[in-house]
Amino acid sequence: MGTQLGFGIPIGFTVTIVVIVAFRARPRALRGRIEGPEHSNMRPVGFLDRRRRAIERQKIADGYYTGA
């Protein structure tokens, strides 16, 4: 029993590591390849951004953040 555990535990960890590395290899390779403006998470400034900026400017002008 002790011999089986002494052999099985390291082999089990090794097999698990090999499977995990093999499973994650493709997403890691794709992550390095997907670059450029067509895959960027940056977006152009839109209507809601301009509206939020205008609202914040108006709040500042009205003294909203002064606690008065």
C-alpha atoms as a PDB file:
ATOM      1  CA  MET A   1       0.000   0.000   0.000  1.00  0.00           C
ATOM      2  CA  GLY A   2       2.760   2.467   0.907  1.00  0.00           C
ATOM      3  CA  THR A   3       4.633   1.661  -2.293  1.00  0.00           C
ATOM      4  CA  GLN A   4       1.521   2.322  -4.350  1.00  0.00           C
ATOM      5  CA  LEU A   5       1.023   5.704  -2.683  1.00  0.00           C
ATOM      6  CA  GLY A   6       4.705   6.561  -3.015  1.00  0.00           C
ATOM      7  CA  PHE A   7       4.521   5.843  -6.728  1.00  0.00           C
ATOM      8  CA  GLY A   8       0.946   6.951  -7.459  1.00  0.00           C
ATOM      9  CA  ILE A   9       0.965  10.414  -5.904  1.00  0.00           C
ATOM     10  CA  PRO A  10       3.944  11.811  -7.876  1.00  0.00           C
ATOM     11  CA  ILE A  11       2.734  10.153 -11.083  1.00  0.00           C
ATOM     12  CA  GLY A  12      -0.767  11.532 -10.526  1.00  0.00           C
ATOM     13  CA  PHE A  13       0.565  15.053 -10.001  1.00  0.00           C
ATOM     14  CA  THR A  14       2.748  14.745 -13.103  1.00  0.00           C
ATOM     15  CA  VAL A  15      -0.129  13.541 -15.267  1.00  0.00           C
ATOM     16  CA  THR A  16      -2.369  16.304 -13.929  1.00  0.00           C
ATOM     17  CA  ILE A  17       0.242  18.964 -14.691  1.00  0.00           C
ATOM     18  CA  VAL A  18       0.742  17.627 -18.222  1.00  0.00           C
ATOM     19  CA  VAL A  19      -3.008  17.651 -18.881  1.00  0.00           C
ATOM     20  CA  ILE A  20      -3.417  21.198 -17.505  1.00  0.00           C
ATOM     21  CA  VAL A  21      -0.476  22.527 -19.533  1.00  0.00           C
ATOM     22  CA  ALA A  22      -1.763  20.856 -22.700  1.00  0.00           C
ATOM     23  CA  PHE A  23      -5.275  22.186 -22.095  1.00  0.00           C
ATOM     24  CA  ARG A  24      -4.071  25.761 -21.531  1.00  0.00           C
ATOM     25  CA  ALA A  25      -1.482  25.884 -24.338  1.00  0.00           C
ATOM     26  CA  ARG A  26      -3.899  26.940 -27.095  1.00  0.00           C
ATOM     27  CA  PRO A  27      -5.546  29.835 -25.185  1.00  0.00           C
ATOM     28  CA  ARG A  28      -2.096  31.103 -24.188  1.00  0.00           C
ATOM     29  CA  ALA A  29      -0.930  30.982 -27.795  1.00  0.00           C
ATOM     30  CA  LEU A  30      -4.068  32.778 -28.970  1.00  0.00           C
ATOM     31  CA  ARG A  31      -3.654  35.452 -26.312  1.00  0.00           C
ATOM     32  CA  GLY A  32      -0.267  36.323 -27.774  1.00  0.00           C
ATOM     33  CA  ARG A  33      -1.624  36.411 -31.327  1.00  0.00           C
ATOM     34  CA  ILE A  34      -4.767  38.475 -30.776  1.00  0.00           C
ATOM     35  CA  GLU A  35      -3.487  42.025 -30.824  1.00  0.00           C
ATOM     36  CA  GLY A  36      -4.123  45.154 -32.771  1.00  0.00           C
ATOM     37  CA  PRO A  37      -6.943  47.634 -33.147  1.00  0.00           C
ATOM     38  CA  GLU A  38      -9.490  45.089 -34.356  1.00  0.00           C
ATOM     39  CA  HIS A  39      -9.171  43.160 -31.070  1.00  0.00           C
ATOM     40  CA  SER A  40      -8.706  46.126 -28.761  1.00  0.00           C
ATOM     41  CA  ASN A  41     -10.965  46.645 -25.769  1.00  0.00           C
ATOM     42  CA  MET A  42     -10.613  50.409 -26.150  1.00  0.00           C
ATOM     43  CA  ARG A  43     -13.720  51.965 -27.612  1.00  0.00           C
ATOM     44  CA  PRO A  44     -14.349  55.366 -29.145  1.00  0.00           C
ATOM     45  CA  VAL A  45     -15.921  58.092 -27.061  1.00  0.00           C
ATOM     46  CA  GLY A  46     -19.664  57.976 -27.486  1.00  0.00           C
ATOM     47  CA  PHE A  47     -22.813  59.891 -26.664  1.00  0.00           C
ATOM     48  CA  LEU A  48     -23.093  58.574 -23.099  1.00  0.00           C
ATOM     49  CA  ASP A  49     -19.487  59.496 -22.322  1.00  0.00           C
ATOM     50  CA  ARG A  50     -20.037  63.051 -23.533  1.00  0.00           C
ATOM     51  CA  ARG A  51     -23.305  63.263 -21.581  1.00  0.00           C
ATOM     52  CA  ARG A  52     -21.705  61.987 -18.360  1.00  0.00           C
ATOM     53  CA  ARG A  53     -18.867  64.488 -18.772  1.00  0.00           C
ATOM     54  CA  ALA A  54     -21.357  67.345 -19.258  1.00  0.00           C
ATOM     55  CA  ILE A  55     -23.364  66.279 -16.190  1.00  0.00           C
ATOM     56  CA  GLU A  56     -20.219  66.138 -14.048  1.00  0.00           C
ATOM     57  CA  ARG A  57     -19.112  69.555 -15.274  1.00  0.00           C
ATOM     58  CA  GLN A  58     -22.531  70.972 -14.407  1.00  0.00           C
ATOM     59  CA  LYS A  59     -22.412  69.394 -10.932  1.00  0.00           C
ATOM     60  CA  ILE A  60     -18.994  70.937 -10.337  1.00  0.00           C
ATOM     61  CA  ALA A  61     -20.208  74.334 -11.549  1.00  0.00           C
ATOM     62  CA  ASP A  62     -23.252  74.113  -9.249  1.00  0.00           C
ATOM     63  CA  GLY A  63     -21.089  73.257  -6.235  1.00  0.00           C
ATOM     64  CA  TYR A  64     -22.577  69.776  -5.843  1.00  0.00           C
ATOM     65  CA  TYR A  65     -19.407  68.335  -4.299  1.00  0.00           C
ATOM     66  CA  THR A  66     -18.809  71.115  -1.762  1.00  0.00           C
ATOM     67  CA  GLY A  67     -21.373  69.800   0.696  1.00  0.00           C
ATOM     68  CA  ALA A  68     -23.215  73.112   0.798  1.00  0.00           C
END
